[in-house]
Amino acid sequence: MSEYSRDSRYITTRITADGRDGYPVEPGRYRLVVARACPWANRMIIVRRLLGLEDVLSMGICGPTHDERSWTFDLDPDGRDPVLGIERLQEAYFKRFPGYERGITVPAIVEIATGQVVTNDFAQMTIDLSLEWTAHHREGAPQLYPAALRAEIDEVNDFVYRDVNNGVYRAGFSSDQDSYEKAYRRLFDRLDWLSDRLAGQRYLVGDTITEADVRLFTTLARFDSVYHNHFKCNRSKLSEMPVLWAYARDLFQTPGFGDTTDFVQIKRHYYEVHRTINPTGVVPAGPDLRNWLTPHGRETLGGRPFGDGTPPGPPSAAETVPAANGPVAA
């Protein structure tokens, strides 16, 4: 049996309010590097926007494809990040760790002055934005990781990561039938569990959006466009799972979620980069995305998306996803 195993050896340096790892929270000191195609990076984009950290933590956006060496800044006019001045994210990793041999992953936070990567520990990074950057949150920022709910959020996140976020990859990259079918069953068993959980409550934990919803959303957003076909997760489309489909649409239509989701870049990444699965590199034309904008009815379950807070404002022009890359209304 050859089961897919994710390399989870991340750079665990943290940026904290007290600077205990040598990197204190400081406006303008760091740059968040993402790729809109990547679900792990998409989470950081969402959390940064929900918390209103755009003006204190700038963002560089890599293109949707990469080679074996690194993500690149091919979306920028001269192929270089305009703040860091680098062509490849690899340069920031090598600046701190010469010959770095693990994955050059997004999201990553880079210290602008030194050009060195600080962290790529995606799971900790979003939590630290919530807990360590509070002095710079916008007025009305939601509590995505409230103290009273952290144990339950952590428990749900663990299930979702193992069986859903990473589960789709485990199915897609399995190299034998038994491993694939095991991953497939775990994935859909967990999706059924999530459907049952969400049938009577609007959000995963409590009555507001939390870190748990952000983590599940980015996988659901990619499900019908990529995972159902490309990763052979084809028992059902998301749009054929009524509770999860309504839940995903509810989040998609919430500021900070759908407006950070770029379906064109998502599809290009998976279908062009994963040549062992899709040797031709042909990117599917579908699916039709307009159903993401249909009524979801989840408001009848109550809940307040931002709790005592408020929605974020619209993204800046530089960070707006082109309308043609989303579910443009007919």
Protein backbone atom coordinates (compact mmCIF):
# COMPACT_ATOMS: atom_id res chain seq x y z
CA MET A 1 0.00 0.00 0.00
CA SER A 2 1.23 3.51 -0.84
CA GLU A 3 -0.73 6.09 1.09
CA TYR A 4 -0.15 9.80 0.47
CA SER A 5 1.72 11.49 3.32
CA ARG A 6 1.99 15.27 3.55
CA ASP A 7 5.34 16.73 4.59
CA SER A 8 4.26 18.68 7.66
CA ARG A 9 7.70 19.87 8.80
CA TYR A 10 7.05 23.59 8.84
CA ILE A 11 9.05 26.60 10.01
CA THR A 12 7.45 27.09 13.40
CA THR A 13 8.91 30.50 14.26
CA ARG A 14 6.08 32.71 15.46
CA ILE A 15 5.37 36.43 15.18
CA THR A 16 3.99 37.40 18.57
CA ALA A 17 2.94 40.49 20.49
CA ASP A 18 5.86 40.05 22.90
CA GLY A 19 8.37 39.02 20.23
CA ARG A 20 9.47 35.96 22.19
CA ASP A 21 10.74 34.19 19.04
CA GLY A 22 12.62 37.30 17.95
CA TYR A 23 9.86 38.54 15.65
CA PRO A 24 7.49 41.02 17.31
CA VAL A 25 4.20 42.09 15.76
CA GLU A 26 4.95 45.35 13.98
CA PRO A 27 3.01 47.13 11.24
CA GLY A 28 4.82 47.19 7.91
CA ARG A 29 7.62 44.87 9.01
CA TYR A 30 6.38 41.70 7.29
CA ARG A 31 4.87 40.62 3.99
CA LEU A 32 2.41 37.77 3.66
CA VAL A 33 3.07 35.71 0.53
CA VAL A 34 0.16 33.70 -0.83
CA ALA A 35 -1.24 32.05 -3.93
CA ARG A 36 -4.97 32.32 -4.42
CA ALA A 37 -4.99 28.79 -5.82
CA CYS A 38 -3.80 27.23 -2.56
CA PRO A 39 -6.47 26.39 0.04
CA TRP A 40 -4.04 26.82 2.93
CA ALA A 41 -3.05 30.28 1.68
CA ASN A 42 -6.67 31.18 0.95
CA ARG A 43 -7.36 30.80 4.68
CA MET A 44 -4.76 33.43 5.53
CA ILE A 45 -6.23 35.78 2.92
CA ILE A 46 -9.69 35.36 4.46
CA VAL A 47 -8.57 35.80 8.08
CA ARG A 48 -6.38 38.82 7.26
CA ARG A 49 -9.34 40.45 5.55
CA LEU A 50 -11.92 39.57 8.23
CA LEU A 51 -9.63 41.06 10.89
CA GLY A 52 -8.79 44.14 8.83
CA LEU A 53 -5.03 43.68 8.79
CA GLU A 54 -4.46 44.73 5.18
CA ASP A 55 -2.74 48.01 6.08
CA VAL A 56 -0.34 46.48 8.62
CA LEU A 57 0.52 43.21 6.85
CA SER A 58 1.00 43.65 3.11
CA MET A 59 0.37 40.76 0.73
CA GLY A 60 2.30 39.44 -2.24
CA ILE A 61 0.45 37.14 -4.62
CA CYS A 62 2.18 34.34 -6.52
CA GLY A 63 0.83 32.96 -9.75
CA PRO A 64 -1.29 29.80 -9.81
CA THR A 65 1.39 27.47 -11.17
CA HIS A 66 4.89 26.56 -10.06
CA ASP A 67 7.70 24.18 -10.92
CA GLU A 68 9.60 21.83 -8.64
CA ARG A 69 11.66 24.72 -7.28
CA SER A 70 9.18 27.26 -6.06
CA TRP A 71 6.15 29.47 -6.37
CA THR A 72 6.91 32.50 -8.57
CA PHE A 73 5.69 36.08 -8.81
CA ASP A 74 4.72 35.82 -12.46
CA LEU A 75 1.55 37.90 -11.95
CA ASP A 76 3.66 40.99 -11.27
CA PRO A 77 4.62 43.06 -14.33
CA ASP A 78 8.34 42.26 -14.25
CA GLY A 79 7.98 38.86 -12.60
CA ARG A 80 9.24 40.20 -9.27
CA ASP A 81 7.39 40.90 -6.06
CA PRO A 82 7.34 44.73 -5.90
CA VAL A 83 8.16 44.84 -2.17
CA LEU A 84 10.55 41.93 -1.70
CA GLY A 85 12.17 42.26 -5.12
CA ILE A 86 12.38 38.50 -5.64
CA GLU A 87 11.26 36.29 -8.53
CA ARG A 88 10.76 33.13 -6.51
CA LEU A 89 9.56 32.55 -2.96
CA GLN A 90 12.47 30.11 -2.72
CA GLU A 91 14.82 33.08 -2.44
CA ALA A 92 13.27 34.13 0.90
CA TYR A 93 13.58 30.58 2.26
CA PHE A 94 17.21 30.28 1.15
CA LYS A 95 18.01 33.71 2.61
CA ARG A 96 17.28 32.36 6.08
CA PHE A 97 18.04 28.67 5.53
CA PRO A 98 20.63 28.18 2.74
CA GLY A 99 19.85 25.00 0.82
CA TYR A 100 16.46 24.61 2.53
CA GLU A 101 15.32 21.09 1.61
CA ARG A 102 11.67 21.02 2.67
CA GLY A 103 8.73 22.29 0.67
CA ILE A 104 8.69 25.93 -0.42
CA THR A 105 5.09 26.47 0.61
CA VAL A 106 2.50 29.21 0.80
CA PRO A 107 1.31 30.89 2.89
CA ALA A 108 4.59 32.27 4.17
CA ILE A 109 5.45 35.44 6.04
CA VAL A 110 8.68 37.19 5.07
CA GLU A 111 10.52 39.90 6.99
CA ILE A 112 10.83 42.73 4.47
CA ALA A 113 14.09 44.29 5.72
CA THR A 114 16.08 41.04 5.72
CA GLY A 115 14.20 39.27 2.93
CA GLN A 116 14.08 36.15 5.12
CA VAL A 117 11.13 33.83 5.58
CA VAL A 118 9.83 33.88 9.14
CA THR A 119 7.20 31.15 9.12
CA ASN A 120 5.14 28.92 6.86
CA ASP A 121 3.29 27.16 9.68
CA PHE A 122 -0.16 27.66 8.14
CA ALA A 123 -2.18 26.24 11.04
CA GLN A 124 -0.55 28.53 13.63
CA MET A 125 -0.41 31.57 11.36
CA THR A 126 -4.16 32.19 11.20
CA ILE A 127 -4.54 31.68 14.95
CA ASP A 128 -1.72 34.14 15.60
CA LEU A 129 -3.42 36.74 13.40
CA SER A 130 -6.42 36.38 15.70
CA LEU A 131 -4.57 36.34 19.04
CA GLU A 132 -1.25 38.14 18.59
CA TRP A 133 -2.20 40.96 16.20
CA THR A 134 -5.21 42.19 18.19
CA ALA A 135 -3.74 45.68 18.68
CA HIS A 136 -4.06 46.19 14.94
CA HIS A 137 -7.44 44.58 14.24
CA ARG A 138 -10.03 46.80 12.59
CA GLU A 139 -12.86 48.15 14.68
CA GLY A 140 -15.60 45.52 14.54
CA ALA A 141 -13.26 42.62 13.81
CA PRO A 142 -14.87 39.28 14.69
CA GLN A 143 -13.50 36.86 17.26
CA LEU A 144 -12.49 33.89 15.13
CA TYR A 145 -10.83 31.96 17.97
CA PRO A 146 -12.73 32.90 21.15
CA ALA A 147 -11.33 31.49 24.38
CA ALA A 148 -14.56 29.79 25.43
CA LEU A 149 -14.75 27.79 22.20
CA ARG A 150 -11.09 26.99 21.52
CA ALA A 151 -11.16 23.39 22.71
CA GLU A 152 -14.15 22.60 20.51
CA ILE A 153 -12.71 24.51 17.55
CA ASP A 154 -9.44 22.58 17.89
CA GLU A 155 -11.29 19.27 18.01
CA VAL A 156 -13.35 20.04 14.91
CA ASN A 157 -10.29 21.39 13.08
CA ASP A 158 -8.41 18.18 13.77
CA PHE A 159 -11.18 16.05 12.24
CA VAL A 160 -11.57 18.37 9.28
CA TYR A 161 -7.84 18.58 8.59
CA ARG A 162 -7.22 14.84 8.71
CA ASP A 163 -10.28 13.65 6.81
CA VAL A 164 -11.31 16.57 4.58
CA ASN A 165 -8.61 19.23 4.03
CA ASN A 166 -5.88 16.61 3.70
CA GLY A 167 -8.31 13.81 2.89
CA VAL A 168 -8.95 15.01 -0.64
CA TYR A 169 -5.19 14.98 -1.28
CA ARG A 170 -4.88 11.55 0.28
CA ALA A 171 -7.46 10.29 -2.20
CA GLY A 172 -6.09 12.18 -5.18
CA PHE A 173 -2.47 11.17 -4.75
CA SER A 174 -3.01 7.55 -3.73
CA SER A 175 -1.00 5.26 -5.94
CA ASP A 176 -2.91 2.04 -5.29
CA GLN A 177 -6.58 1.11 -5.11
CA ASP A 178 -6.74 0.18 -1.44
CA SER A 179 -5.19 3.44 -0.26
CA TYR A 180 -7.47 5.44 -2.51
CA GLU A 181 -10.64 3.69 -1.35
CA LYS A 182 -9.66 4.08 2.30
CA ALA A 183 -9.13 7.82 1.84
CA TYR A 184 -12.34 8.10 -0.19
CA ARG A 185 -14.41 6.46 2.56
CA ARG A 186 -12.83 8.60 5.29
CA LEU A 187 -13.54 11.74 3.32
CA PHE A 188 -17.20 11.06 2.66
CA ASP A 189 -17.82 9.64 6.12
CA ARG A 190 -16.53 12.93 7.53
CA LEU A 191 -18.55 14.99 5.07
CA ASP A 192 -21.64 13.09 6.18
CA TRP A 193 -20.70 13.80 9.81
CA LEU A 194 -20.32 17.49 9.00
CA SER A 195 -23.68 17.50 7.22
CA ASP A 196 -25.34 16.06 10.31
CA ARG A 197 -23.60 18.62 12.54
CA LEU A 198 -24.59 21.55 10.33
CA ALA A 199 -28.18 20.47 9.72
CA GLY A 200 -29.33 22.25 12.85
CA GLN A 201 -26.72 24.98 13.34
CA ARG A 202 -25.50 27.66 10.98
CA TYR A 203 -21.79 27.46 11.80
CA LEU A 204 -19.45 24.69 12.91
CA VAL A 205 -18.81 25.92 16.45
CA GLY A 206 -21.05 28.40 18.27
CA ASP A 207 -23.35 30.83 16.51
CA THR A 208 -20.72 32.92 14.69
CA ILE A 209 -18.02 32.35 12.08
CA THR A 210 -14.86 30.94 13.62
CA GLU A 211 -11.49 29.58 12.55
CA ALA A 212 -13.21 26.22 12.00
CA ASP A 213 -15.48 27.60 9.27
CA VAL A 214 -12.57 29.27 7.49
CA ARG A 215 -10.65 25.99 7.41
CA LEU A 216 -13.52 23.96 6.02
CA PHE A 217 -14.67 26.57 3.51
CA THR A 218 -11.53 26.61 1.36
CA THR A 219 -11.79 22.86 0.71
CA LEU A 220 -15.51 23.05 -0.04
CA ALA A 221 -14.94 25.95 -2.44
CA ARG A 222 -12.60 23.77 -4.51
CA PHE A 223 -14.66 20.60 -4.35
CA ASP A 224 -16.73 20.63 -7.53
CA SER A 225 -14.18 22.51 -9.62
CA VAL A 226 -11.25 20.27 -8.71
CA TYR A 227 -11.53 17.53 -6.12
CA HIS A 228 -14.61 15.75 -7.45
CA ASN A 229 -12.95 15.03 -10.79
CA HIS A 230 -9.21 15.63 -10.48
CA PHE A 231 -8.84 13.84 -7.13
CA LYS A 232 -11.52 11.19 -7.83
CA CYS A 233 -13.66 12.34 -4.88
CA ASN A 234 -16.74 11.53 -6.88
CA ARG A 235 -19.37 9.94 -4.67
CA SER A 236 -21.20 13.24 -4.75
CA LYS A 237 -20.55 16.78 -5.85
CA LEU A 238 -20.78 19.44 -3.18
CA SER A 239 -23.82 20.75 -5.02
CA GLU A 240 -25.46 17.34 -4.45
CA MET A 241 -24.95 17.46 -0.65
CA PRO A 242 -27.79 19.79 0.41
CA VAL A 243 -26.63 20.86 3.87
CA LEU A 244 -22.97 21.39 3.01
CA TRP A 245 -23.85 23.10 -0.25
CA ALA A 246 -26.14 25.58 1.52
CA TYR A 247 -23.50 26.12 4.23
CA ALA A 248 -20.77 26.74 1.64
CA ARG A 249 -22.97 29.21 -0.27
CA ASP A 250 -23.78 31.02 2.97
CA LEU A 251 -20.07 31.55 3.63
CA PHE A 252 -19.29 32.32 -0.01
CA GLN A 253 -21.84 35.13 0.03
CA THR A 254 -20.33 36.52 3.26
CA PRO A 255 -17.76 39.33 2.75
CA GLY A 256 -14.24 37.96 3.02
CA PHE A 257 -14.98 34.50 1.66
CA GLY A 258 -16.30 34.47 -1.90
CA ASP A 259 -14.55 37.70 -2.76
CA THR A 260 -11.17 36.06 -2.02
CA THR A 261 -11.91 32.94 -4.12
CA ASP A 262 -10.42 32.85 -7.62
CA PHE A 263 -11.78 29.81 -9.46
CA VAL A 264 -9.67 30.38 -12.58
CA GLN A 265 -6.42 30.32 -10.60
CA ILE A 266 -7.65 27.35 -8.54
CA LYS A 267 -8.32 25.24 -11.63
CA ARG A 268 -5.12 26.28 -13.39
CA HIS A 269 -3.02 25.25 -10.40
CA TYR A 270 -4.37 21.76 -9.90
CA TYR A 271 -4.83 20.74 -13.52
CA GLU A 272 -1.62 22.29 -14.87
CA VAL A 273 0.77 21.44 -12.03
CA HIS A 274 -0.30 17.89 -11.15
CA ARG A 275 0.93 16.24 -14.36
CA THR A 276 1.13 12.80 -12.79
CA ILE A 277 -2.66 12.95 -12.43
CA ASN A 278 -3.47 15.10 -15.47
CA PRO A 279 -0.63 14.53 -17.99
CA THR A 280 -2.09 16.78 -20.71
CA GLY A 281 -2.43 19.81 -18.46
CA VAL A 282 -5.82 20.55 -20.01
CA VAL A 283 -7.96 22.67 -17.67
CA PRO A 284 -11.71 21.89 -17.60
CA ALA A 285 -13.97 24.68 -18.83
CA GLY A 286 -16.64 24.02 -16.20
CA PRO A 287 -18.41 23.85 -13.93
CA ASP A 288 -20.92 26.67 -14.21
CA LEU A 289 -20.33 28.76 -11.08
CA ARG A 290 -23.47 30.90 -11.03
CA ASN A 291 -25.18 28.58 -8.55
CA TRP A 292 -22.80 29.91 -5.86
CA LEU A 293 -24.94 33.05 -5.83
CA THR A 294 -28.31 31.33 -5.33
CA PRO A 295 -30.25 31.73 -2.05
CA HIS A 296 -29.04 29.37 0.68
CA GLY A 297 -31.71 29.78 3.39
CA ARG A 298 -29.22 29.27 6.22
CA GLU A 299 -30.24 32.51 7.93
CA THR A 300 -33.31 30.67 9.23
CA LEU A 301 -30.99 28.81 11.61
CA GLY A 302 -30.12 32.08 13.35
CA GLY A 303 -26.55 32.88 14.17
CA ARG A 304 -24.70 36.13 13.59
CA PRO A 305 -21.85 35.87 11.08
CA PHE A 306 -19.61 38.43 12.83
CA GLY A 307 -21.01 38.21 16.36
CA ASP A 308 -20.88 41.68 17.91
CA GLY A 309 -18.62 42.82 15.09
CA THR A 310 -19.22 44.00 11.55
CA PRO A 311 -18.43 42.77 8.03
CA PRO A 312 -15.13 43.87 6.47
CA GLY A 313 -15.23 46.53 3.80
CA PRO A 314 -14.60 45.72 0.15
CA PRO A 315 -11.10 44.59 -0.86
CA SER A 316 -8.72 47.12 -2.33
CA ALA A 317 -8.47 47.36 -6.10
CA ALA A 318 -5.06 45.65 -5.99
CA GLU A 319 -6.49 42.67 -4.08
CA THR A 320 -9.83 42.31 -5.87
CA VAL A 321 -10.44 38.99 -7.64
CA PRO A 322 -11.41 39.70 -11.27
CA ALA A 323 -15.17 39.32 -11.72
CA ALA A 324 -14.60 36.92 -14.60
CA ASN A 325 -12.76 34.54 -12.24
CA GLY A 326 -15.82 34.05 -10.05
CA PRO A 327 -19.52 33.26 -10.41
CA VAL A 328 -20.51 36.24 -12.51
CA ALA A 329 -24.29 36.61 -12.37
CA ALA A 330 -26.08 36.03 -15.65
